[in-house]
């Protein structure tokens, strides 16, 4: 199985961090797909991105929280 990510390592992304708009870089990416051990049918997927700012990690974020441009981030608010 191949997973196509929305962003790549090193991409600049815009996000909200500490109540402010910042531009960081994708440092790591994580993806997992699980089948429920309760009903063996429900499938859950998790795609997260670890973002760094000035070479310091500021946390991991879901795809829905990251934007390719500042304008797209502002439109989402």
N, C-alpha and C. Protein backbone atom coordinates (compact mmCIF):
# COMPACT_ATOMS: atom_id res chain seq x y z
N UNK A 1 0.84 -1.18 0.00
CA UNK A 1 0.00 0.00 0.00
C UNK A 1 0.88 1.25 0.00
N UNK A 2 0.54 2.20 -0.83
CA UNK A 2 1.25 3.47 -0.87
C UNK A 2 0.34 4.56 -0.35
N UNK A 3 0.90 5.43 0.45
CA UNK A 3 0.16 6.57 1.01
C UNK A 3 0.69 7.85 0.39
N UNK A 4 -0.20 8.67 -0.14
CA UNK A 4 0.19 9.95 -0.69
C UNK A 4 -0.16 11.02 0.34
N UNK A 5 0.85 11.72 0.82
CA UNK A 5 0.66 12.75 1.82
C UNK A 5 0.31 14.08 1.17
N UNK A 6 -0.38 14.93 1.90
CA UNK A 6 -0.74 16.26 1.41
C UNK A 6 0.49 17.17 1.36
N UNK A 7 1.44 16.95 2.27
CA UNK A 7 2.66 17.75 2.34
C UNK A 7 3.86 16.80 2.33
N UNK A 8 5.02 17.34 2.01
CA UNK A 8 6.26 16.56 1.99
C UNK A 8 7.24 17.11 3.02
N UNK A 9 8.25 16.33 3.33
CA UNK A 9 9.29 16.78 4.25
C UNK A 9 9.90 18.08 3.73
N UNK A 10 10.06 19.04 4.63
CA UNK A 10 10.67 20.32 4.27
C UNK A 10 9.70 21.35 3.74
N UNK A 11 8.46 20.96 3.43
CA UNK A 11 7.48 21.92 2.94
C UNK A 11 7.20 23.00 3.98
N UNK A 12 7.00 24.23 3.52
CA UNK A 12 6.58 25.31 4.41
C UNK A 12 5.06 25.22 4.56
N UNK A 13 4.60 25.31 5.79
CA UNK A 13 3.16 25.28 6.07
C UNK A 13 2.81 26.41 7.03
N UNK A 14 1.59 26.89 6.89
CA UNK A 14 1.06 27.93 7.77
C UNK A 14 0.09 27.29 8.75
N UNK A 15 0.16 27.74 10.02
CA UNK A 15 -0.70 27.18 11.05
C UNK A 15 -0.85 28.16 12.20
N UNK A 16 -1.80 27.86 13.06
CA UNK A 16 -1.99 28.63 14.28
C UNK A 16 -1.19 27.96 15.39
N UNK A 17 -0.35 28.76 16.07
CA UNK A 17 0.46 28.23 17.18
C UNK A 17 0.53 29.32 18.25
N UNK A 18 0.15 28.97 19.47
CA UNK A 18 0.13 29.93 20.60
C UNK A 18 -0.65 31.19 20.23
N UNK A 19 -1.84 31.00 19.65
CA UNK A 19 -2.75 32.09 19.27
C UNK A 19 -2.16 33.05 18.25
N UNK A 20 -1.23 32.57 17.45
CA UNK A 20 -0.66 33.41 16.41
C UNK A 20 -0.44 32.62 15.13
N UNK A 21 -0.34 33.32 14.02
CA UNK A 21 -0.10 32.69 12.73
C UNK A 21 1.41 32.55 12.55
N UNK A 22 1.86 31.31 12.27
CA UNK A 22 3.29 31.06 12.05
C UNK A 22 3.48 30.23 10.78
N UNK A 23 4.67 30.34 10.23
CA UNK A 23 5.06 29.54 9.08
C UNK A 23 6.17 28.61 9.54
N UNK A 24 5.92 27.31 9.48
CA UNK A 24 6.90 26.32 9.91
C UNK A 24 7.25 25.38 8.77
N UNK A 25 8.09 24.41 9.07
CA UNK A 25 8.51 23.40 8.09
C UNK A 25 8.11 22.01 8.57
N UNK A 26 7.71 21.15 7.63
CA UNK A 26 7.40 19.77 7.97
C UNK A 26 8.71 19.06 8.28
N UNK A 27 8.83 18.54 9.50
CA UNK A 27 10.05 17.85 9.93
C UNK A 27 9.88 16.33 9.85
N UNK A 28 8.69 15.84 10.17
CA UNK A 28 8.39 14.40 10.13
C UNK A 28 6.93 14.23 9.76
N UNK A 29 6.62 13.04 9.26
CA UNK A 29 5.24 12.71 8.92
C UNK A 29 4.91 11.34 9.52
N UNK A 30 3.65 11.16 9.84
CA UNK A 30 3.21 9.92 10.48
C UNK A 30 1.86 9.53 9.92
N UNK A 31 1.70 8.25 9.61
CA UNK A 31 0.41 7.75 9.12
C UNK A 31 0.19 6.35 9.68
N UNK A 32 -1.03 6.10 10.14
CA UNK A 32 -1.39 4.77 10.60
C UNK A 32 -2.84 4.50 10.21
N UNK A 33 -3.11 3.26 9.84
CA UNK A 33 -4.45 2.82 9.48
C UNK A 33 -4.76 1.59 10.32
N UNK A 34 -5.86 1.64 11.06
CA UNK A 34 -6.23 0.56 11.98
C UNK A 34 -7.62 0.01 11.69
N UNK A 35 -7.79 -1.26 11.98
CA UNK A 35 -9.09 -1.89 11.93
C UNK A 35 -9.53 -2.09 13.38
N UNK A 36 -10.78 -1.74 13.66
CA UNK A 36 -11.31 -1.83 15.02
C UNK A 36 -11.24 -3.26 15.55
N UNK A 37 -10.79 -3.39 16.78
CA UNK A 37 -10.77 -4.71 17.42
C UNK A 37 -12.12 -5.03 18.06
N UNK A 38 -13.08 -4.11 17.97
CA UNK A 38 -14.42 -4.33 18.51
C UNK A 38 -15.33 -4.97 17.47
N UNK A 39 -15.42 -4.33 16.28
CA UNK A 39 -16.33 -4.88 15.27
C UNK A 39 -15.58 -5.41 14.04
N UNK A 40 -14.29 -5.25 13.99
CA UNK A 40 -13.44 -5.75 12.89
C UNK A 40 -13.85 -5.21 11.51
N UNK A 41 -14.60 -4.11 11.49
CA UNK A 41 -15.02 -3.51 10.23
C UNK A 41 -14.65 -2.03 10.15
N UNK A 42 -14.75 -1.34 11.27
CA UNK A 42 -14.48 0.09 11.29
C UNK A 42 -12.99 0.34 11.08
N UNK A 43 -12.70 1.19 10.12
CA UNK A 43 -11.31 1.52 9.81
C UNK A 43 -11.06 2.98 10.19
N UNK A 44 -9.99 3.21 10.94
CA UNK A 44 -9.62 4.58 11.30
C UNK A 44 -8.24 4.88 10.71
N UNK A 45 -8.08 6.12 10.25
CA UNK A 45 -6.81 6.57 9.69
C UNK A 45 -6.35 7.82 10.42
N UNK A 46 -5.06 7.93 10.61
CA UNK A 46 -4.49 9.08 11.29
C UNK A 46 -3.26 9.54 10.51
N UNK A 47 -3.30 10.78 10.04
CA UNK A 47 -2.19 11.38 9.31
C UNK A 47 -1.77 12.63 10.08
N UNK A 48 -0.54 12.64 10.57
CA UNK A 48 -0.06 13.77 11.37
C UNK A 48 1.28 14.25 10.84
N UNK A 49 1.53 15.52 11.08
CA UNK A 49 2.76 16.16 10.63
C UNK A 49 3.44 16.83 11.81
N UNK A 50 4.73 16.57 11.97
CA UNK A 50 5.52 17.23 12.99
C UNK A 50 6.12 18.48 12.36
N UNK A 51 5.87 19.62 12.98
CA UNK A 51 6.28 20.90 12.42
C UNK A 51 7.38 21.52 13.27
N UNK A 52 8.38 22.10 12.59
CA UNK A 52 9.44 22.80 13.31
C UNK A 52 9.45 24.27 12.89
N UNK A 53 9.90 25.10 13.80
CA UNK A 53 10.01 26.54 13.58
C UNK A 53 11.39 26.94 14.07
N UNK A 54 12.20 27.48 13.18
CA UNK A 54 13.58 27.83 13.52
C UNK A 54 14.34 26.62 14.08
N UNK A 55 14.17 25.47 13.43
CA UNK A 55 14.81 24.20 13.80
C UNK A 55 14.43 23.70 15.19
N UNK A 56 13.30 24.17 15.73
CA UNK A 56 12.80 23.69 17.01
C UNK A 56 11.40 23.15 16.80
N UNK A 57 11.14 21.92 17.27
CA UNK A 57 9.83 21.31 17.10
C UNK A 57 8.78 22.08 17.88
N UNK A 58 7.65 22.36 17.22
CA UNK A 58 6.55 23.05 17.90
C UNK A 58 5.34 22.14 18.08
N UNK A 59 5.45 20.87 17.68
CA UNK A 59 4.36 19.94 17.90
C UNK A 59 3.95 19.19 16.66
N UNK A 60 2.96 18.32 16.85
CA UNK A 60 2.43 17.58 15.72
C UNK A 60 1.00 18.03 15.46
N UNK A 61 0.63 18.07 14.17
CA UNK A 61 -0.65 18.62 13.76
C UNK A 61 -1.32 17.71 12.75
N UNK A 62 -2.64 17.77 12.73
CA UNK A 62 -3.41 17.05 11.72
C UNK A 62 -3.38 17.83 10.41
N UNK A 63 -3.63 17.13 9.34
CA UNK A 63 -3.63 17.75 8.01
C UNK A 63 -4.59 18.94 7.95
N UNK A 64 -5.74 18.83 8.61
CA UNK A 64 -6.76 19.88 8.56
C UNK A 64 -6.29 21.18 9.22
N UNK A 65 -5.23 21.13 10.02
CA UNK A 65 -4.74 22.31 10.72
C UNK A 65 -3.60 23.01 9.99
N UNK A 66 -3.16 22.46 8.86
CA UNK A 66 -2.02 23.01 8.12
C UNK A 66 -2.47 23.55 6.77
N UNK A 67 -1.84 24.62 6.34
CA UNK A 67 -2.22 25.28 5.09
C UNK A 67 -0.97 25.62 4.29
N UNK A 68 -1.09 25.52 2.99
CA UNK A 68 0.02 25.81 2.09
C UNK A 68 0.31 27.29 1.95
N UNK A 69 -0.69 28.14 2.18
CA UNK A 69 -0.50 29.59 2.08
C UNK A 69 -1.13 30.29 3.28
N UNK A 70 -0.62 31.46 3.56
CA UNK A 70 -1.17 32.26 4.65
C UNK A 70 -2.61 32.66 4.34
N UNK A 71 -2.88 32.94 3.08
CA UNK A 71 -4.23 33.34 2.67
C UNK A 71 -5.25 32.24 2.96
N UNK A 72 -4.88 30.98 2.67
CA UNK A 72 -5.80 29.86 2.94
C UNK A 72 -6.04 29.69 4.43
N UNK A 73 -5.01 29.90 5.23
CA UNK A 73 -5.17 29.82 6.69
C UNK A 73 -6.15 30.89 7.15
N UNK A 74 -5.97 32.11 6.71
CA UNK A 74 -6.83 33.22 7.13
C UNK A 74 -8.27 32.98 6.69
N UNK A 75 -8.47 32.44 5.50
CA UNK A 75 -9.83 32.14 5.02
C UNK A 75 -10.51 31.11 5.90
N UNK A 76 -9.74 30.20 6.51
CA UNK A 76 -10.33 29.13 7.31
C UNK A 76 -10.78 29.61 8.69
N UNK A 77 -10.34 30.79 9.10
CA UNK A 77 -10.66 31.29 10.44
C UNK A 77 -12.05 31.84 10.53
